[in-house]
Protein backbone atom coordinates (compact mmCIF):
# COMPACT_ATOMS: atom_id res chain seq x y z
CA MET A 1 61.34 4.88 -194.18
CA HIS A 2 59.60 7.91 -192.69
CA GLU A 3 56.77 7.64 -195.24
CA MET A 4 55.15 5.12 -192.89
CA SER A 5 55.04 7.66 -190.06
CA VAL A 6 53.60 10.23 -192.49
CA ALA A 7 50.96 7.73 -193.65
CA LEU A 8 50.05 6.83 -190.06
CA SER A 9 49.71 10.51 -189.21
CA VAL A 10 47.43 11.14 -192.21
CA VAL A 11 45.27 8.13 -191.30
CA ASP A 12 45.09 9.26 -187.65
CA GLN A 13 44.03 12.80 -188.58
CA VAL A 14 41.38 11.61 -191.03
CA GLU A 15 40.08 9.02 -188.55
CA GLN A 16 39.70 11.72 -185.89
CA ALA A 17 37.75 13.88 -188.34
CA ALA A 18 35.60 10.88 -189.30
CA ARG A 19 34.75 10.14 -185.66
CA SER A 20 33.88 13.72 -184.86
CA GLY A 21 31.83 14.08 -188.06
CA GLY A 22 30.04 10.73 -187.84
CA ALA A 23 31.47 9.43 -191.13
CA HIS A 24 31.35 5.71 -191.80
CA GLY A 25 34.14 5.51 -194.33
CA VAL A 26 36.54 7.36 -196.58
CA ARG A 27 36.76 7.01 -200.36
CA ARG A 28 39.68 9.30 -201.16
CA VAL A 29 42.29 11.44 -199.42
CA THR A 30 44.25 14.11 -201.31
CA VAL A 31 47.56 15.40 -200.01
CA GLU A 32 49.93 18.04 -201.32
CA ILE A 33 53.61 17.11 -201.18
CA GLY A 34 56.31 19.70 -201.70
CA GLU A 35 59.37 18.77 -203.73
CA LEU A 36 61.59 19.63 -200.75
CA ALA A 37 59.51 17.77 -198.14
CA GLY A 38 61.61 14.63 -198.48
CA VAL A 39 58.61 12.38 -199.11
CA VAL A 40 58.62 9.85 -201.96
CA PRO A 41 55.05 9.72 -203.31
CA ASP A 42 55.19 6.04 -204.37
CA ALA A 43 56.54 4.99 -200.97
CA LEU A 44 53.83 7.06 -199.26
CA ALA A 45 51.11 5.40 -201.37
CA PHE A 46 52.43 1.95 -200.40
CA CYS A 47 52.56 2.85 -196.70
CA PHE A 48 49.15 4.54 -196.84
CA GLU A 49 47.51 1.33 -198.03
CA LEU A 50 49.07 -0.60 -195.14
CA ALA A 51 48.19 2.11 -192.58
CA CYS A 52 44.53 2.11 -193.68
CA ALA A 53 44.00 -1.60 -192.97
CA GLY A 54 41.35 -2.10 -190.28
CA THR A 55 40.37 1.59 -190.16
CA VAL A 56 37.55 3.66 -191.64
CA LEU A 57 40.01 4.47 -194.42
CA GLU A 58 40.42 0.85 -195.54
CA GLY A 59 40.25 0.79 -199.33
CA ALA A 60 40.58 4.58 -199.62
CA GLU A 61 42.49 6.03 -202.56
CA LEU A 62 45.43 8.34 -201.91
CA VAL A 63 45.84 11.17 -204.42
CA THR A 64 49.07 13.16 -204.27
CA ARG A 65 49.64 16.58 -205.77
CA PHE A 66 53.25 17.57 -206.33
CA LEU A 67 54.31 21.15 -205.52
CA PRO A 68 57.63 22.39 -206.90
CA GLY A 69 60.13 24.14 -204.68
CA ARG A 70 60.12 27.89 -205.37
CA ALA A 71 62.29 30.65 -203.97
CA SER A 72 62.41 34.39 -204.40
CA CYS A 73 65.22 36.91 -204.18
CA THR A 74 64.53 39.77 -201.78
CA PRO A 75 66.91 42.29 -203.45
CA CYS A 76 65.64 41.91 -207.06
CA GLY A 77 62.21 40.28 -206.61
CA ARG A 78 62.83 37.40 -209.05
CA SER A 79 61.35 33.99 -208.26
CA TRP A 80 62.32 30.58 -209.64
CA ASN A 81 61.89 26.83 -209.22
CA THR A 82 64.60 25.68 -206.86
CA GLY A 83 64.79 22.03 -207.87
CA MET A 84 66.27 19.34 -205.67
CA PRO A 85 68.70 19.97 -204.11
CA PRO A 86 67.43 23.53 -203.82
CA ASP A 87 69.23 26.14 -205.90
CA MET A 88 69.01 29.17 -203.64
CA LEU A 89 71.28 31.51 -205.61
CA CYS A 90 69.54 34.16 -207.73
CA ALA A 91 70.63 33.86 -211.38
CA VAL A 92 69.94 37.57 -212.01
CA CYS A 93 71.70 39.41 -209.19
CA ARG A 94 73.77 36.42 -207.91
CA ARG A 95 72.68 37.01 -204.31
CA GLY A 96 71.13 34.42 -202.06
CA ALA A 97 67.37 33.87 -202.05
CA GLY A 98 65.53 35.82 -199.41
CA THR A 99 62.56 33.49 -199.08
CA LEU A 100 61.60 29.91 -199.79
CA LEU A 101 58.09 30.30 -201.22
CA SER A 102 57.03 26.66 -201.52
CA GLY A 103 58.26 23.11 -201.59
CA ARG A 104 58.13 21.95 -197.98
CA GLU A 105 54.36 21.42 -197.87
CA LEU A 106 52.86 18.18 -196.64
CA ARG A 107 49.18 18.68 -196.00
CA ILE A 108 45.82 17.01 -196.38
CA THR A 109 43.76 19.12 -198.77
CA GLU A 110 40.66 16.99 -199.41
CA VAL A 111 38.81 14.04 -197.92
CA HIS A 112 35.92 12.38 -199.74
CA TRP A 113 33.69 10.56 -197.28
CA SER A 114 31.71 7.43 -198.06
CA THR A 115 27.99 7.60 -197.65
CA PRO A 116 26.64 5.17 -195.08
CA ALA A 117 24.90 2.08 -196.41
CA ALA A 118 21.14 2.47 -196.52
CA ALA A 119 19.27 0.67 -193.76
CA PRO A 120 17.06 -2.16 -194.99
CA ASP A 121 13.46 -1.23 -195.61
CA PRO A 122 11.43 -2.63 -192.68
CA THR A 123 8.26 -2.86 -194.84
CA PRO A 124 7.51 -6.52 -195.56
CA VAL A 125 7.64 -7.48 -199.22
CA PRO A 126 4.32 -8.99 -200.35
CA GLN A 127 4.73 -12.59 -201.43
CA PRO A 128 2.82 -13.89 -204.45
CA GLU A 129 -0.12 -16.11 -203.57
CA GLU A 130 0.22 -19.74 -204.39
CA SER A 131 -2.61 -21.35 -206.29
């Protein structure tokens, strides 16, 4: 299951950003997954939870955004959703697609950092006088 290696890579990249930015935790990570990327979102979510254990991402939510595969035909300019497996033949001119426009993406698009816990107030709290 390569979703575990993807999850570990996401966690590693976010941890590096957290260290360099002084963040103390992560609440949510959003990734875009293309239809043709070969990543199963539910499997990635399961692996992400395991990969986060013991890191600054522990307890973080993973949000996935699905991007359809799209292709365009260079000769006629038409574009269409390719589906899976990709349909690369233009329905209008019956020629092959010139360009795959989207569908292979796998990228981190947002990270929501946790705010550090407030330090305790060093001012002593007055105690009521006993009578």
